[in-house]
Amino acid sequence: MKIVASLNEGLAYNEDRPAINILLETETSKEIRIVFRKGQIMKKHHTPFPIVVEVFKGVIDFGVENEKEQLTAGSIIALSGGVPHDLTALEDSIVRLSLSKQDKLKRVKNIKTA
């Protein structure tokens, strides 16, 4: 099986909250694109499963356990399940989120924003 997706194609920014779309799904994972306008946030939340977050474009303040880490294009961070974290876009940004197949896109879309 072959699946191809693009982080750049079909970009759609929301003015009031980050735009969240599934790019592709495999037998083991889901690849999600989160498109932020400068200043948009995803408030503190956690996932029951491990995640990997990659900043593809832009700059994100990534808060983990009350510490902020500034992630720029090309930065990747991995978290175990249950670790509280938040994201704030310091400029227009594109983020790739790798989720466990068992996790739900709906959970990500329901994360509180500013």
Protein backbone atom coordinates (compact mmCIF):
# COMPACT_ATOMS: atom_id res chain seq x y z
CA MET A 1 0.00 0.00 0.00
CA LYS A 2 1.19 3.51 -0.84
CA ILE A 3 -0.20 6.75 0.60
CA VAL A 4 0.99 10.22 -0.37
CA ALA A 5 0.08 13.47 1.37
CA SER A 6 1.40 17.04 1.43
CA LEU A 7 1.81 19.48 4.31
CA ASN A 8 1.77 22.35 1.78
CA GLU A 9 -1.21 21.55 -0.45
CA GLY A 10 -4.74 22.63 0.35
CA LEU A 11 -3.78 24.94 3.20
CA ALA A 12 -6.71 26.65 4.86
CA TYR A 13 -6.24 29.04 7.77
CA ASN A 14 -9.04 29.68 10.24
CA GLU A 15 -9.23 33.16 11.71
CA ASP A 16 -10.61 32.10 15.10
CA ARG A 17 -8.81 28.82 15.87
CA PRO A 18 -6.13 26.49 14.43
CA ALA A 19 -7.23 24.47 11.37
CA ILE A 20 -6.85 20.74 12.04
CA ASN A 21 -6.97 18.11 9.28
CA ILE A 22 -5.97 14.49 8.94
CA LEU A 23 -3.37 14.10 6.17
CA LEU A 24 -3.18 10.33 6.14
CA GLU A 25 -3.81 7.25 8.21
CA THR A 26 -1.73 4.07 8.25
CA GLU A 27 -2.12 0.77 10.06
CA THR A 28 -0.34 2.23 13.11
CA SER A 29 -0.64 6.02 13.05
CA LYS A 30 -2.50 9.14 11.99
CA GLU A 31 -0.68 12.14 10.56
CA ILE A 32 -2.44 15.41 11.36
CA ARG A 33 -1.74 18.91 10.01
CA ILE A 34 -2.41 21.85 12.33
CA VAL A 35 -2.33 25.27 10.65
CA PHE A 36 -1.96 28.24 12.99
CA ARG A 37 -2.31 31.96 12.43
CA LYS A 38 0.07 34.06 14.51
CA GLY A 39 -1.26 34.29 18.07
CA GLN A 40 -3.54 31.24 17.93
CA ILE A 41 -3.19 28.76 20.76
CA MET A 42 -4.11 25.26 21.82
CA LYS A 43 -4.59 25.40 25.59
CA LYS A 44 -3.05 22.90 27.98
CA HIS A 45 -4.16 19.36 27.19
CA HIS A 46 -2.79 15.82 27.09
CA THR A 47 -3.25 12.63 25.13
CA PRO A 48 -3.53 9.09 26.46
CA PHE A 49 -0.97 7.94 23.86
CA PRO A 50 2.57 9.03 22.90
CA ILE A 51 2.78 11.76 20.24
CA VAL A 52 5.40 13.33 17.97
CA VAL A 53 5.09 17.00 16.99
CA GLU A 54 7.08 18.57 14.14
CA VAL A 55 7.10 22.25 13.27
CA PHE A 56 7.14 22.27 9.48
CA LYS A 57 6.89 26.05 9.06
CA GLY A 58 6.90 28.97 11.49
CA VAL A 59 7.64 29.26 15.21
CA ILE A 60 5.69 27.69 18.08
CA ASP A 61 6.01 28.21 21.83
CA PHE A 62 5.55 24.66 23.09
CA GLY A 63 4.77 24.44 26.79
CA VAL A 64 5.55 21.22 28.64
CA GLU A 65 5.09 20.90 32.40
CA ASN A 66 5.11 24.71 32.88
CA GLU A 67 8.27 25.26 30.80
CA LYS A 68 8.22 26.88 27.33
CA GLU A 69 10.35 25.58 24.48
CA GLN A 70 10.52 27.68 21.31
CA LEU A 71 10.28 25.30 18.34
CA THR A 72 11.22 26.54 14.88
CA ALA A 73 10.83 24.96 11.43
CA GLY A 74 12.44 21.54 11.48
CA SER A 75 12.11 21.04 15.26
CA ILE A 76 10.61 17.77 16.48
CA ILE A 77 9.45 16.90 19.99
CA ALA A 78 8.13 13.59 21.32
CA LEU A 79 5.95 13.23 24.41
CA SER A 80 4.73 10.25 26.35
CA GLY A 81 1.02 9.87 26.88
CA GLY A 82 -0.43 11.88 29.75
CA VAL A 83 2.09 14.76 29.56
CA PRO A 84 0.30 18.16 29.73
CA HIS A 85 1.34 20.56 26.95
CA ASP A 86 0.15 23.67 25.11
CA LEU A 87 1.02 25.44 21.85
CA THR A 88 1.12 29.13 20.93
CA ALA A 89 1.95 30.27 17.39
CA LEU A 90 4.48 33.11 17.40
CA GLU A 91 3.98 33.45 13.63
CA ASP A 92 1.84 31.74 10.99
CA SER A 93 2.84 28.09 11.35
CA ILE A 94 2.26 24.56 10.07
CA VAL A 95 2.64 21.69 12.54
CA ARG A 96 2.59 17.96 11.86
CA LEU A 97 1.21 15.81 14.66
CA SER A 98 1.75 12.05 14.65
CA LEU A 99 -0.90 10.22 16.67
CA SER A 100 -1.39 6.62 17.63
CA LYS A 101 -3.96 4.85 15.46
CA GLN A 102 -6.00 4.42 18.67
CA ASP A 103 -6.24 8.19 19.24
CA LYS A 104 -9.10 10.21 17.78
CA LEU A 105 -9.00 13.28 15.52
CA LYS A 106 -12.13 14.51 17.31
CA ARG A 107 -10.15 14.74 20.57
CA VAL A 108 -7.60 17.02 18.90
CA LYS A 109 -10.30 19.20 17.32
CA ASN A 110 -11.99 19.61 20.72
CA ILE A 111 -8.89 21.05 22.44
CA LYS A 112 -9.71 24.48 23.83
CA THR A 113 -8.28 27.47 22.03
CA ALA A 114 -8.11 31.16 22.97
